[in-house]
Full PDB file with SEQRES, HELIX, SHEET, SSBOND, CRYST1, ORIGX, SCALE, CONECT and MASTER records, all heavy atoms in Angstrom:
SEQRES   1 A   42  ASN GLU ASN LEU GLN ALA TRP ILE GLU SER ARG GLY ALA          
SEQRES   2 A   42  VAL ALA TYR ASP TYR ASP GLN GLN GLN ARG GLY LEU TRP          
SEQRES   3 A   42  VAL ASN THR ALA ALA VAL LYS ALA ALA ILE ASP ALA GLY          
SEQRES   4 A   42  PRO PRO VAL                                                  
HELIX    1 AA1 GLU A    2  GLU A    9  1                                   8    
HELIX    2 AA2 TYR A   18  GLN A   21  1                                   4    
HELIX    3 AA3 THR A   29  ALA A   38  1                                  10    
CRYST1    1.000    1.000    1.000  90.00  90.00  90.00 P 1           1          
ORIGX1      1.000000  0.000000  0.000000        0.00000                         
ORIGX2      0.000000  1.000000  0.000000        0.00000                         
ORIGX3      0.000000  0.000000  1.000000        0.00000                         
SCALE1      1.000000  0.000000  0.000000        0.00000                         
SCALE2      0.000000  1.000000  0.000000        0.00000                         
SCALE3      0.000000  0.000000  1.000000        0.00000                         
ATOM      1  N   ASN A   1      62.744 118.451  84.294  1.00  0.00           N  
ATOM      2  CA  ASN A   1      63.108 118.169  82.900  1.00  0.00           C  
ATOM      3  C   ASN A   1      62.550 116.827  82.432  1.00  0.00           C  
ATOM      4  O   ASN A   1      62.123 116.682  81.282  1.00  0.00           O  
ATOM      5  CB  ASN A   1      64.620 118.202  82.701  1.00  0.00           C  
ATOM      6  CG  ASN A   1      65.086 119.556  82.215  1.00  0.00           C  
ATOM      7  OD1 ASN A   1      64.449 120.125  81.341  1.00  0.00           O  
ATOM      8  ND2 ASN A   1      66.183 120.044  82.753  1.00  0.00           N  
ATOM      9  N   GLU A   2      62.557 115.828  83.332  1.00  0.00           N  
ATOM     10  CA  GLU A   2      61.985 114.517  82.946  1.00  0.00           C  
ATOM     11  C   GLU A   2      60.491 114.675  82.681  1.00  0.00           C  
ATOM     12  O   GLU A   2      59.968 114.096  81.725  1.00  0.00           O  
ATOM     13  CB  GLU A   2      62.224 113.502  84.067  1.00  0.00           C  
ATOM     14  CG  GLU A   2      63.676 113.081  84.167  1.00  0.00           C  
ATOM     15  CD  GLU A   2      63.962 112.257  85.423  1.00  0.00           C  
ATOM     16  OE1 GLU A   2      63.004 111.788  86.085  1.00  0.00           O  
ATOM     17  OE2 GLU A   2      65.148 112.074  85.734  1.00  0.00           O  
ATOM     18  N   ASN A   3      59.797 115.448  83.510  1.00  0.00           N  
ATOM     19  CA  ASN A   3      58.361 115.695  83.343  1.00  0.00           C  
ATOM     20  C   ASN A   3      58.134 116.405  81.996  1.00  0.00           C  
ATOM     21  O   ASN A   3      57.235 116.007  81.240  1.00  0.00           O  
ATOM     22  CB  ASN A   3      57.812 116.587  84.464  1.00  0.00           C  
ATOM     23  CG  ASN A   3      57.742 115.880  85.791  1.00  0.00           C  
ATOM     24  OD1 ASN A   3      57.894 114.670  85.882  1.00  0.00           O  
ATOM     25  ND2 ASN A   3      57.537 116.644  86.847  1.00  0.00           N  
ATOM     26  N   LEU A   4      58.913 117.423  81.730  1.00  0.00           N  
ATOM     27  CA  LEU A   4      58.761 118.185  80.508  1.00  0.00           C  
ATOM     28  C   LEU A   4      59.037 117.336  79.276  1.00  0.00           C  
ATOM     29  O   LEU A   4      58.268 117.382  78.294  1.00  0.00           O  
ATOM     30  CB  LEU A   4      59.711 119.405  80.544  1.00  0.00           C  
ATOM     31  CG  LEU A   4      59.598 120.438  79.448  1.00  0.00           C  
ATOM     32  CD1 LEU A   4      58.192 120.979  79.341  1.00  0.00           C  
ATOM     33  CD2 LEU A   4      60.570 121.574  79.715  1.00  0.00           C  
ATOM     34  N   GLN A   5      60.072 116.550  79.304  1.00  0.00           N  
ATOM     35  CA  GLN A   5      60.402 115.688  78.172  1.00  0.00           C  
ATOM     36  C   GLN A   5      59.303 114.662  77.931  1.00  0.00           C  
ATOM     37  O   GLN A   5      58.881 114.452  76.783  1.00  0.00           O  
ATOM     38  CB  GLN A   5      61.739 114.960  78.400  1.00  0.00           C  
ATOM     39  CG  GLN A   5      62.143 114.118  77.232  1.00  0.00           C  
ATOM     40  CD  GLN A   5      63.531 113.503  77.401  1.00  0.00           C  
ATOM     41  OE1 GLN A   5      64.207 113.716  78.393  1.00  0.00           O  
ATOM     42  NE2 GLN A   5      63.942 112.714  76.413  1.00  0.00           N  
ATOM     43  N   ALA A   6      58.776 114.033  78.997  1.00  0.00           N  
ATOM     44  CA  ALA A   6      57.692 113.059  78.860  1.00  0.00           C  
ATOM     45  C   ALA A   6      56.441 113.706  78.253  1.00  0.00           C  
ATOM     46  O   ALA A   6      55.754 113.128  77.412  1.00  0.00           O  
ATOM     47  CB  ALA A   6      57.370 112.428  80.218  1.00  0.00           C  
ATOM     48  N   TRP A   7      56.158 114.943  78.701  1.00  0.00           N  
ATOM     49  CA  TRP A   7      54.967 115.641  78.202  1.00  0.00           C  
ATOM     50  C   TRP A   7      55.102 115.974  76.713  1.00  0.00           C  
ATOM     51  O   TRP A   7      54.179 115.774  75.938  1.00  0.00           O  
ATOM     52  CB  TRP A   7      54.741 116.914  79.018  1.00  0.00           C  
ATOM     53  CG  TRP A   7      53.409 117.540  78.783  1.00  0.00           C  
ATOM     54  CD1 TRP A   7      52.222 117.216  79.385  1.00  0.00           C  
ATOM     55  CD2 TRP A   7      53.110 118.586  77.864  1.00  0.00           C  
ATOM     56  NE1 TRP A   7      51.212 118.006  78.923  1.00  0.00           N  
ATOM     57  CE2 TRP A   7      51.710 118.860  77.977  1.00  0.00           C  
ATOM     58  CE3 TRP A   7      53.834 119.337  76.955  1.00  0.00           C  
ATOM     59  CZ2 TRP A   7      51.058 119.843  77.217  1.00  0.00           C  
ATOM     60  CZ3 TRP A   7      53.200 120.292  76.210  1.00  0.00           C  
ATOM     61  CH2 TRP A   7      51.832 120.540  76.344  1.00  0.00           C  
ATOM     62  N   ILE A   8      56.273 116.446  76.323  1.00  0.00           N  
ATOM     63  CA  ILE A   8      56.488 116.785  74.894  1.00  0.00           C  
ATOM     64  C   ILE A   8      56.430 115.519  74.032  1.00  0.00           C  
ATOM     65  O   ILE A   8      55.748 115.497  73.006  1.00  0.00           O  
ATOM     66  CB  ILE A   8      57.834 117.521  74.694  1.00  0.00           C  
ATOM     67  CG1 ILE A   8      57.774 118.895  75.356  1.00  0.00           C  
ATOM     68  CG2 ILE A   8      58.150 117.654  73.207  1.00  0.00           C  
ATOM     69  CD1 ILE A   8      59.133 119.608  75.432  1.00  0.00           C  
ATOM     70  N   GLU A   9      57.124 114.467  74.455  1.00  0.00           N  
ATOM     71  CA  GLU A   9      57.162 113.253  73.659  1.00  0.00           C  
ATOM     72  C   GLU A   9      55.787 112.593  73.539  1.00  0.00           C  
ATOM     73  O   GLU A   9      55.489 111.976  72.526  1.00  0.00           O  
ATOM     74  CB  GLU A   9      58.164 112.260  74.247  1.00  0.00           C  
ATOM     75  CG  GLU A   9      59.599 112.690  74.053  1.00  0.00           C  
ATOM     76  CD  GLU A   9      60.622 111.824  74.743  1.00  0.00           C  
ATOM     77  OE1 GLU A   9      60.244 111.057  75.664  1.00  0.00           O  
ATOM     78  OE2 GLU A   9      61.813 111.898  74.380  1.00  0.00           O  
ATOM     79  N   SER A  10      54.957 112.722  74.565  1.00  0.00           N  
ATOM     80  CA  SER A  10      53.625 112.112  74.543  1.00  0.00           C  
ATOM     81  C   SER A  10      52.553 113.041  73.971  1.00  0.00           C  
ATOM     82  O   SER A  10      51.378 112.676  73.918  1.00  0.00           O  
ATOM     83  CB  SER A  10      53.216 111.698  75.934  1.00  0.00           C  
ATOM     84  OG  SER A  10      52.933 112.819  76.746  1.00  0.00           O  
ATOM     85  N   ARG A  11      52.941 114.257  73.564  1.00  0.00           N  
ATOM     86  CA  ARG A  11      52.034 115.256  73.035  1.00  0.00           C  
ATOM     87  C   ARG A  11      50.907 115.521  74.054  1.00  0.00           C  
ATOM     88  O   ARG A  11      49.755 115.659  73.718  1.00  0.00           O  
ATOM     89  CB  ARG A  11      51.411 114.838  71.712  1.00  0.00           C  
ATOM     90  CG  ARG A  11      52.370 114.396  70.591  1.00  0.00           C  
ATOM     91  CD  ARG A  11      53.426 115.462  70.329  1.00  0.00           C  
ATOM     92  NE  ARG A  11      54.168 115.195  69.111  1.00  0.00           N  
ATOM     93  CZ  ARG A  11      55.422 114.725  69.100  1.00  0.00           C  
ATOM     94  NH1 ARG A  11      56.054 114.455  70.219  1.00  0.00           N  
ATOM     95  NH2 ARG A  11      56.067 114.544  67.963  1.00  0.00           N  
ATOM     96  N   GLY A  12      51.298 115.621  75.327  1.00  0.00           N  
ATOM     97  CA  GLY A  12      50.367 116.003  76.370  1.00  0.00           C  
ATOM     98  C   GLY A  12      49.654 114.829  77.044  1.00  0.00           C  
ATOM     99  O   GLY A  12      48.838 115.040  77.939  1.00  0.00           O  
ATOM    100  N   ALA A  13      49.945 113.591  76.628  1.00  0.00           N  
ATOM    101  CA  ALA A  13      49.248 112.443  77.216  1.00  0.00           C  
ATOM    102  C   ALA A  13      49.826 112.056  78.581  1.00  0.00           C  
ATOM    103  O   ALA A  13      49.132 111.432  79.394  1.00  0.00           O  
ATOM    104  CB  ALA A  13      49.324 111.251  76.267  1.00  0.00           C  
ATOM    105  N   VAL A  14      51.064 112.409  78.838  1.00  0.00           N  
ATOM    106  CA  VAL A  14      51.700 112.129  80.138  1.00  0.00           C  
ATOM    107  C   VAL A  14      52.003 113.477  80.797  1.00  0.00           C  
ATOM    108  O   VAL A  14      52.796 114.246  80.272  1.00  0.00           O  
ATOM    109  CB  VAL A  14      52.995 111.311  79.986  1.00  0.00           C  
ATOM    110  CG1 VAL A  14      53.687 111.143  81.325  1.00  0.00           C  
ATOM    111  CG2 VAL A  14      52.703 109.953  79.359  1.00  0.00           C  
ATOM    112  N   ALA A  15      51.331 113.731  81.908  1.00  0.00           N  
ATOM    113  CA  ALA A  15      51.530 115.017  82.604  1.00  0.00           C  
ATOM    114  C   ALA A  15      51.590 114.742  84.109  1.00  0.00           C  
ATOM    115  O   ALA A  15      50.575 114.594  84.761  1.00  0.00           O  
ATOM    116  CB  ALA A  15      50.393 115.976  82.298  1.00  0.00           C  
ATOM    117  N   TYR A  16      52.797 114.626  84.648  1.00  0.00           N  
ATOM    118  CA  TYR A  16      52.953 114.354  86.055  1.00  0.00           C  
ATOM    119  C   TYR A  16      52.772 115.638  86.869  1.00  0.00           C  
ATOM    120  O   TYR A  16      53.192 116.708  86.467  1.00  0.00           O  
ATOM    121  CB  TYR A  16      54.320 113.754  86.378  1.00  0.00           C  
ATOM    122  CG  TYR A  16      54.437 112.338  85.856  1.00  0.00           C  
ATOM    123  CD1 TYR A  16      55.252 112.028  84.799  1.00  0.00           C  
ATOM    124  CD2 TYR A  16      53.700 111.313  86.441  1.00  0.00           C  
ATOM    125  CE1 TYR A  16      55.350 110.746  84.315  1.00  0.00           C  
ATOM    126  CE2 TYR A  16      53.799 110.012  85.971  1.00  0.00           C  
ATOM    127  CZ  TYR A  16      54.610 109.744  84.923  1.00  0.00           C  
ATOM    128  OH  TYR A  16      54.701 108.472  84.452  1.00  0.00           O  
ATOM    129  N   ASP A  17      52.110 115.501  88.011  1.00  0.00           N  
ATOM    130  CA  ASP A  17      51.880 116.629  88.901  1.00  0.00           C  
ATOM    131  C   ASP A  17      53.110 116.761  89.808  1.00  0.00           C  
ATOM    132  O   ASP A  17      53.326 115.946  90.707  1.00  0.00           O  
ATOM    133  CB  ASP A  17      50.615 116.380  89.719  1.00  0.00           C  
ATOM    134  CG  ASP A  17      50.243 117.553  90.595  1.00  0.00           C  
ATOM    135  OD1 ASP A  17      51.159 118.243  91.082  1.00  0.00           O  
ATOM    136  OD2 ASP A  17      49.048 117.769  90.812  1.00  0.00           O  
ATOM    137  N   TYR A  18      53.895 117.811  89.586  1.00  0.00           N  
ATOM    138  CA  TYR A  18      55.141 118.008  90.322  1.00  0.00           C  
ATOM    139  C   TYR A  18      54.904 118.104  91.823  1.00  0.00           C  
ATOM    140  O   TYR A  18      55.660 117.549  92.607  1.00  0.00           O  
ATOM    141  CB  TYR A  18      55.831 119.273  89.801  1.00  0.00           C  
ATOM    142  CG  TYR A  18      57.134 119.601  90.469  1.00  0.00           C  
ATOM    143  CD1 TYR A  18      58.284 118.897  90.157  1.00  0.00           C  
ATOM    144  CD2 TYR A  18      57.218 120.599  91.438  1.00  0.00           C  
ATOM    145  CE1 TYR A  18      59.492 119.189  90.757  1.00  0.00           C  
ATOM    146  CE2 TYR A  18      58.414 120.900  92.057  1.00  0.00           C  
ATOM    147  CZ  TYR A  18      59.558 120.193  91.714  1.00  0.00           C  
ATOM    148  OH  TYR A  18      60.744 120.457  92.322  1.00  0.00           O  
ATOM    149  N   ASP A  19      53.863 118.828  92.229  1.00  0.00           N  
ATOM    150  CA  ASP A  19      53.571 118.986  93.640  1.00  0.00           C  
ATOM    151  C   ASP A  19      53.272 117.639  94.295  1.00  0.00           C  
ATOM    152  O   ASP A  19      53.694 117.374  95.431  1.00  0.00           O  
ATOM    153  CB  ASP A  19      52.419 119.963  93.874  1.00  0.00           C  
ATOM    154  CG  ASP A  19      52.756 121.343  93.336  1.00  0.00           C  
ATOM    155  OD1 ASP A  19      53.931 121.762  93.453  1.00  0.00           O  
ATOM    156  OD2 ASP A  19      51.851 122.011  92.778  1.00  0.00           O  
ATOM    157  N   GLN A  20      52.564 116.739  93.576  1.00  0.00           N  
ATOM    158  CA  GLN A  20      52.311 115.403  94.092  1.00  0.00           C  
ATOM    159  C   GLN A  20      53.595 114.573  94.126  1.00  0.00           C  
ATOM    160  O   GLN A  20      53.800 113.764  95.026  1.00  0.00           O  
ATOM    161  CB  GLN A  20      51.245 114.691  93.238  1.00  0.00           C  
ATOM    162  CG  GLN A  20      49.878 115.330  93.299  1.00  0.00           C  
ATOM    163  CD  GLN A  20      49.229 115.190  94.655  1.00  0.00           C  
ATOM    164  OE1 GLN A  20      49.492 114.249  95.391  1.00  0.00           O  
ATOM    165  NE2 GLN A  20      48.405 116.150  95.032  1.00  0.00           N  
ATOM    166  N   GLN A  21      54.467 114.761  93.120  1.00  0.00           N  
ATOM    167  CA  GLN A  21      55.709 114.025  93.107  1.00  0.00           C  
ATOM    168  C   GLN A  21      56.583 114.352  94.322  1.00  0.00           C  
ATOM    169  O   GLN A  21      57.262 113.487  94.836  1.00  0.00           O  
ATOM    170  CB  GLN A  21      56.511 114.345  91.831  1.00  0.00           C  
ATOM    171  CG  GLN A  21      55.923 113.731  90.589  1.00  0.00           C  
ATOM    172  CD  GLN A  21      56.651 114.173  89.356  1.00  0.00           C  
ATOM    173  OE1 GLN A  21      56.965 115.347  89.212  1.00  0.00           O  
ATOM    174  NE2 GLN A  21      56.890 113.247  88.436  1.00  0.00           N  
ATOM    175  N   GLN A  22      56.521 115.600  94.762  1.00  0.00           N  
ATOM    176  CA  GLN A  22      57.302 116.002  95.924  1.00  0.00           C  
ATOM    177  C   GLN A  22      56.834 115.257  97.185  1.00  0.00           C  
ATOM    178  O   GLN A  22      57.555 115.115  98.131  1.00  0.00           O  
ATOM    179  CB  GLN A  22      57.185 117.513  96.150  1.00  0.00           C  
ATOM    180  CG  GLN A  22      57.742 118.350  95.027  1.00  0.00           C  
ATOM    181  CD  GLN A  22      59.217 118.058  94.764  1.00  0.00           C  
ATOM    182  OE1 GLN A  22      59.579 117.135  94.068  1.00  0.00           O  
ATOM    183  NE2 GLN A  22      60.066 118.830  95.359  1.00  0.00           N  
ATOM    184  N   ARG A  23      55.595 114.775  97.146  1.00  0.00           N  
ATOM    185  CA  ARG A  23      55.031 113.994  98.258  1.00  0.00           C  
ATOM    186  C   ARG A  23      55.203 112.502  98.011  1.00  0.00           C  
ATOM    187  O   ARG A  23      54.648 111.694  98.749  1.00  0.00           O  
ATOM    188  CB  ARG A  23      53.564 114.319  98.443  1.00  0.00           C  
ATOM    189  CG  ARG A  23      53.318 115.742  98.882  1.00  0.00           C  
ATOM    190  CD  ARG A  23      51.818 115.987  99.142  1.00  0.00           C  
ATOM    191  NE  ARG A  23      51.569 117.396  99.108  1.00  0.00           N  
ATOM    192  CZ  ARG A  23      50.994 118.041  98.084  1.00  0.00           C  
ATOM    193  NH1 ARG A  23      50.580 117.371  97.045  1.00  0.00           N  
ATOM    194  NH2 ARG A  23      50.823 119.342  98.120  1.00  0.00           N  
ATOM    195  N   GLY A  24      55.880 112.131  96.963  1.00  0.00           N  
ATOM    196  CA  GLY A  24      56.109 110.729  96.643  1.00  0.00           C  
ATOM    197  C   GLY A  24      55.031 110.080  95.806  1.00  0.00           C  
ATOM    198  O   GLY A  24      55.020 108.866  95.629  1.00  0.00           O  
ATOM    199  N   LEU A  25      54.100 110.855  95.281  1.00  0.00           N  
ATOM    200  CA  LEU A  25      52.991 110.301  94.466  1.00  0.00           C  
ATOM    201  C   LEU A  25      53.219 110.676  93.012  1.00  0.00           C  
ATOM    202  O   LEU A  25      53.368 111.829  92.670  1.00  0.00           O  
ATOM    203  CB  LEU A  25      51.670 110.886  94.952  1.00  0.00           C  
ATOM    204  CG  LEU A  25      51.324 110.668  96.431  1.00  0.00           C  
ATOM    205  CD1 LEU A  25      50.091 111.474  96.791  1.00  0.00           C  
ATOM    206  CD2 LEU A  25      51.119 109.213  96.710  1.00  0.00           C  
ATOM    207  N   TRP A  26      53.265 109.663  92.158  1.00  0.00           N  
ATOM    208  CA  TRP A  26      53.438 109.892  90.726  1.00  0.00           C  
ATOM    209  C   TRP A  26      52.083 109.797  90.078  1.00  0.00           C  
ATOM    210  O   TRP A  26      51.646 108.731  89.655  1.00  0.00           O  
ATOM    211  CB  TRP A  26      54.432 108.890  90.152  1.00  0.00           C  
ATOM    212  CG  TRP A  26      55.811 109.213  90.551  1.00  0.00           C  
ATOM    213  CD1 TRP A  26      56.343 109.074  91.808  1.00  0.00           C  
ATOM    214  CD2 TRP A  26      56.843 109.783  89.761  1.00  0.00           C  
ATOM    215  NE1 TRP A  26      57.635 109.514  91.815  1.00  0.00           N  
ATOM    216  CE2 TRP A  26      57.955 109.944  90.567  1.00  0.00           C  
ATOM    217  CE3 TRP A  26      56.913 110.166  88.435  1.00  0.00           C  
ATOM    218  CZ2 TRP A  26      59.166 110.488  90.098  1.00  0.00           C  
ATOM    219  CZ3 TRP A  26      58.076 110.694  87.964  1.00  0.00           C  
ATOM    220  CH2 TRP A  26      59.198 110.846  88.777  1.00  0.00           C  
ATOM    221  N   VAL A  27      51.389 110.921  89.973  1.00  0.00           N  
ATOM    222  CA  VAL A  27      50.057 110.987  89.421  1.00  0.00           C  
ATOM    223  C   VAL A  27      50.117 111.535  88.010  1.00  0.00           C  
ATOM    224  O   VAL A  27      50.520 112.686  87.810  1.00  0.00           O  
ATOM    225  CB  VAL A  27      49.151 111.868  90.301  1.00  0.00           C  
ATOM    226  CG1 VAL A  27      47.740 111.955  89.706  1.00  0.00           C  
ATOM    227  CG2 VAL A  27      49.103 111.353  91.728  1.00  0.00           C  
ATOM    228  N   ASN A  28      49.739 110.713  87.042  1.00  0.00           N  
ATOM    229  CA  ASN A  28      49.680 111.183  85.655  1.00  0.00           C  
ATOM    230  C   ASN A  28      48.347 111.902  85.473  1.00  0.00           C  
ATOM    231  O   ASN A  28      47.314 111.260  85.229  1.00  0.00           O  
ATOM    232  CB  ASN A  28      49.814 110.018  84.699  1.00  0.00           C  
ATOM    233  CG  ASN A  28      49.774 110.461  83.244  1.00  0.00           C  
ATOM    234  OD1 ASN A  28      49.503 111.612  82.931  1.00  0.00           O  
ATOM    235  ND2 ASN A  28      50.047 109.554  82.332  1.00  0.00           N  
ATOM    236  N   THR A  29      48.342 113.202  85.636  1.00  0.00           N  
ATOM    237  CA  THR A  29      47.087 113.964  85.621  1.00  0.00           C  
ATOM    238  C   THR A  29      46.403 113.894  84.250  1.00  0.00           C  
ATOM    239  O   THR A  29      45.183 113.981  84.171  1.00  0.00           O  
ATOM    240  CB  THR A  29      47.325 115.426  86.024  1.00  0.00           C  
ATOM    241  OG1 THR A  29      48.304 116.009  85.177  1.00  0.00           O  
ATOM    242  CG2 THR A  29      47.770 115.530  87.464  1.00  0.00           C  
ATOM    243  N   ALA A  30      47.170 113.736  83.196  1.00  0.00           N  
ATOM    244  CA  ALA A  30      46.568 113.636  81.846  1.00  0.00           C  
ATOM    245  C   ALA A  30      45.762 112.349  81.739  1.00  0.00           C  
ATOM    246  O   ALA A  30      44.659 112.334  81.195  1.00  0.00           O  
ATOM    247  CB  ALA A  30      47.631 113.688  80.770  1.00  0.00           C  
ATOM    248  N   ALA A  31      46.297 111.249  82.257  1.00  0.00           N  
ATOM    249  CA  ALA A  31      45.571 109.970  82.233  1.00  0.00           C  
ATOM    250  C   ALA A  31      44.344 110.024  83.120  1.00  0.00           C  
ATOM    251  O   ALA A  31      43.286 109.498  82.769  1.00  0.00           O  
ATOM    252  CB  ALA A  31      46.488 108.826  82.647  1.00  0.00           C  
ATOM    253  N   VAL A  32      44.463 110.668  84.280  1.00  0.00           N  
ATOM    254  CA  VAL A  32      43.338 110.798  85.186  1.00  0.00           C  
ATOM    255  C   VAL A  32      42.214 111.624  84.496  1.00  0.00           C  
ATOM    256  O   VAL A  32      41.042 111.239  84.527  1.00  0.00           O  
ATOM    257  CB  VAL A  32      43.759 111.445  86.524  1.00  0.00           C  
ATOM    258  CG1 VAL A  32      42.549 111.784  87.359  1.00  0.00           C  
ATOM    259  CG2 VAL A  32      44.704 110.530  87.271  1.00  0.00           C  
ATOM    260  N   LYS A  33      42.609 112.733  83.856  1.00  0.00           N  
ATOM    261  CA  LYS A  33      41.622 113.560  83.160  1.00  0.00           C  
ATOM    262  C   LYS A  33      40.935 112.760  82.040  1.00  0.00           C  
ATOM    263  O   LYS A  33      39.730 112.836  81.859  1.00  0.00           O  
ATOM    264  CB  LYS A  33      42.271 114.811  82.616  1.00  0.00           C  
ATOM    265  CG  LYS A  33      41.279 115.743  81.928  1.00  0.00           C  
ATOM    266  CD  LYS A  33      41.982 116.928  81.283  1.00  0.00           C  
ATOM    267  CE  LYS A  33      41.035 117.879  80.596  1.00  0.00           C  
ATOM    268  NZ  LYS A  33      40.070 117.294  79.704  1.00  0.00           N  
ATOM    269  N   ALA A  34      41.726 112.001  81.284  1.00  0.00           N  
ATOM    270  CA  ALA A  34      41.169 111.198  80.183  1.00  0.00           C  
ATOM    271  C   ALA A  34      40.174 110.172  80.727  1.00  0.00           C  
ATOM    272  O   ALA A  34      39.123 109.944  80.143  1.00  0.00           O  
ATOM    273  CB  ALA A  34      42.278 110.521  79.396  1.00  0.00           C  
ATOM    274  N   ALA A  35      40.517 109.555  81.871  1.00  0.00           N  
ATOM    275  CA  ALA A  35      39.619 108.558  82.473  1.00  0.00           C  
ATOM    276  C   ALA A  35      38.329 109.219  82.944  1.00  0.00           C  
ATOM    277  O   ALA A  35      37.241 108.664  82.794  1.00  0.00           O  
ATOM    278  CB  ALA A  35      40.320 107.843  83.620  1.00  0.00           C  
ATOM    279  N   ILE A  36      38.460 110.414  83.531  1.00  0.00           N  
ATOM    280  CA  ILE A  36      37.256 111.138  83.993  1.00  0.00           C  
ATOM    281  C   ILE A  36      36.394 111.538  82.794  1.00  0.00           C  
ATOM    282  O   ILE A  36      35.183 111.380  82.813  1.00  0.00           O  
ATOM    283  CB  ILE A  36      37.656 112.376  84.833  1.00  0.00           C  
ATOM    284  CG1 ILE A  36      38.255 111.915  86.157  1.00  0.00           C  
ATOM    285  CG2 ILE A  36      36.476 113.304  85.041  1.00  0.00           C  
ATOM    286  CD1 ILE A  36      38.907 113.025  86.957  1.00  0.00           C  
ATOM    287  N   ASP A  37      37.037 112.024  81.742  1.00  0.00           N  
ATOM    288  CA  ASP A  37      36.297 112.426  80.532  1.00  0.00           C  
ATOM    289  C   ASP A  37      35.593 111.245  79.887  1.00  0.00           C  
ATOM    290  O   ASP A  37      34.516 111.387  79.312  1.00  0.00           O  
ATOM    291  CB  ASP A  37      37.221 113.098  79.521  1.00  0.00           C  
ATOM    292  CG  ASP A  37      37.695 114.474  79.975  1.00  0.00           C  
ATOM    293  OD1 ASP A  37      37.122 115.023  80.933  1.00  0.00           O  
ATOM    294  OD2 ASP A  37      38.667 114.986  79.366  1.00  0.00           O  
ATOM    295  N   ALA A  38      36.216 110.051  79.977  1.00  0.00           N  
ATOM    296  CA  ALA A  38      35.613 108.852  79.383  1.00  0.00           C  
ATOM    297  C   ALA A  38      34.393 108.406  80.124  1.00  0.00           C  
ATOM    298  O   ALA A  38      33.543 107.710  79.594  1.00  0.00           O  
ATOM    299  CB  ALA A  38      36.662 107.729  79.337  1.00  0.00           C  
ATOM    300  N   GLY A  39      34.281 108.770  81.393  1.00  0.00           N  
ATOM    301  CA  GLY A  39      33.117 108.381  82.187  1.00  0.00           C  
ATOM    302  C   GLY A  39      33.318 107.038  82.840  1.00  0.00           C  
ATOM    303  O   GLY A  39      34.361 106.386  82.701  1.00  0.00           O  
ATOM    304  N   PRO A  40      32.323 106.625  83.602  1.00  0.00           N  
ATOM    305  CA  PRO A  40      32.457 105.343  84.318  1.00  0.00           C  
ATOM    306  C   PRO A  40      32.485 104.170  83.352  1.00  0.00           C  
ATOM    307  O   PRO A  40      31.929 104.255  82.242  1.00  0.00           O  
ATOM    308  CB  PRO A  40      31.198 105.292  85.188  1.00  0.00           C  
ATOM    309  CG  PRO A  40      30.231 106.209  84.527  1.00  0.00           C  
ATOM    310  CD  PRO A  40      31.031 107.258  83.827  1.00  0.00           C  
ATOM    311  N   PRO A  41      33.171 103.093  83.753  1.00  0.00           N  
ATOM    312  CA  PRO A  41      33.209 101.926  82.862  1.00  0.00           C  
ATOM    313  C   PRO A  41      31.822 101.336  82.663  1.00  0.00           C  
ATOM    314  O   PRO A  41      31.020 101.339  83.574  1.00  0.00           O  
ATOM    315  CB  PRO A  41      34.157 100.957  83.578  1.00  0.00           C  
ATOM    316  CG  PRO A  41      34.161 101.411  84.983  1.00  0.00           C  
ATOM    317  CD  PRO A  41      33.858 102.874  84.980  1.00  0.00           C  
ATOM    318  N   VAL A  42      31.578 100.848  81.486  1.00  0.00           N  
ATOM    319  CA  VAL A  42      30.294 100.231  81.165  1.00  0.00           C  
ATOM    320  C   VAL A  42      30.380  98.758  81.494  1.00  0.00           C  
ATOM    321  O   VAL A  42      31.298  98.055  81.029  1.00  0.00           O  
ATOM    322  CB  VAL A  42      29.948 100.432  79.677  1.00  0.00           C  
ATOM    323  CG1 VAL A  42      28.647  99.766  79.337  1.00  0.00           C  
ATOM    324  CG2 VAL A  42      29.906 101.903  79.335  1.00  0.00           C  
TER     325      VAL A  42                                                      
MASTER        0    0    0    3    0    0    0    6  324    1    0    4          
END                                                                             
């Protein structure tokens, strides 16, 4: 529910990977995807 609420409130910008959370890793997959789409830093 916390994941779902964060995703709705952020309009998809915050998307935690539940399977990674079960391993203790809080990975915001939406931010990772945005960083990958942006390309390497100039």
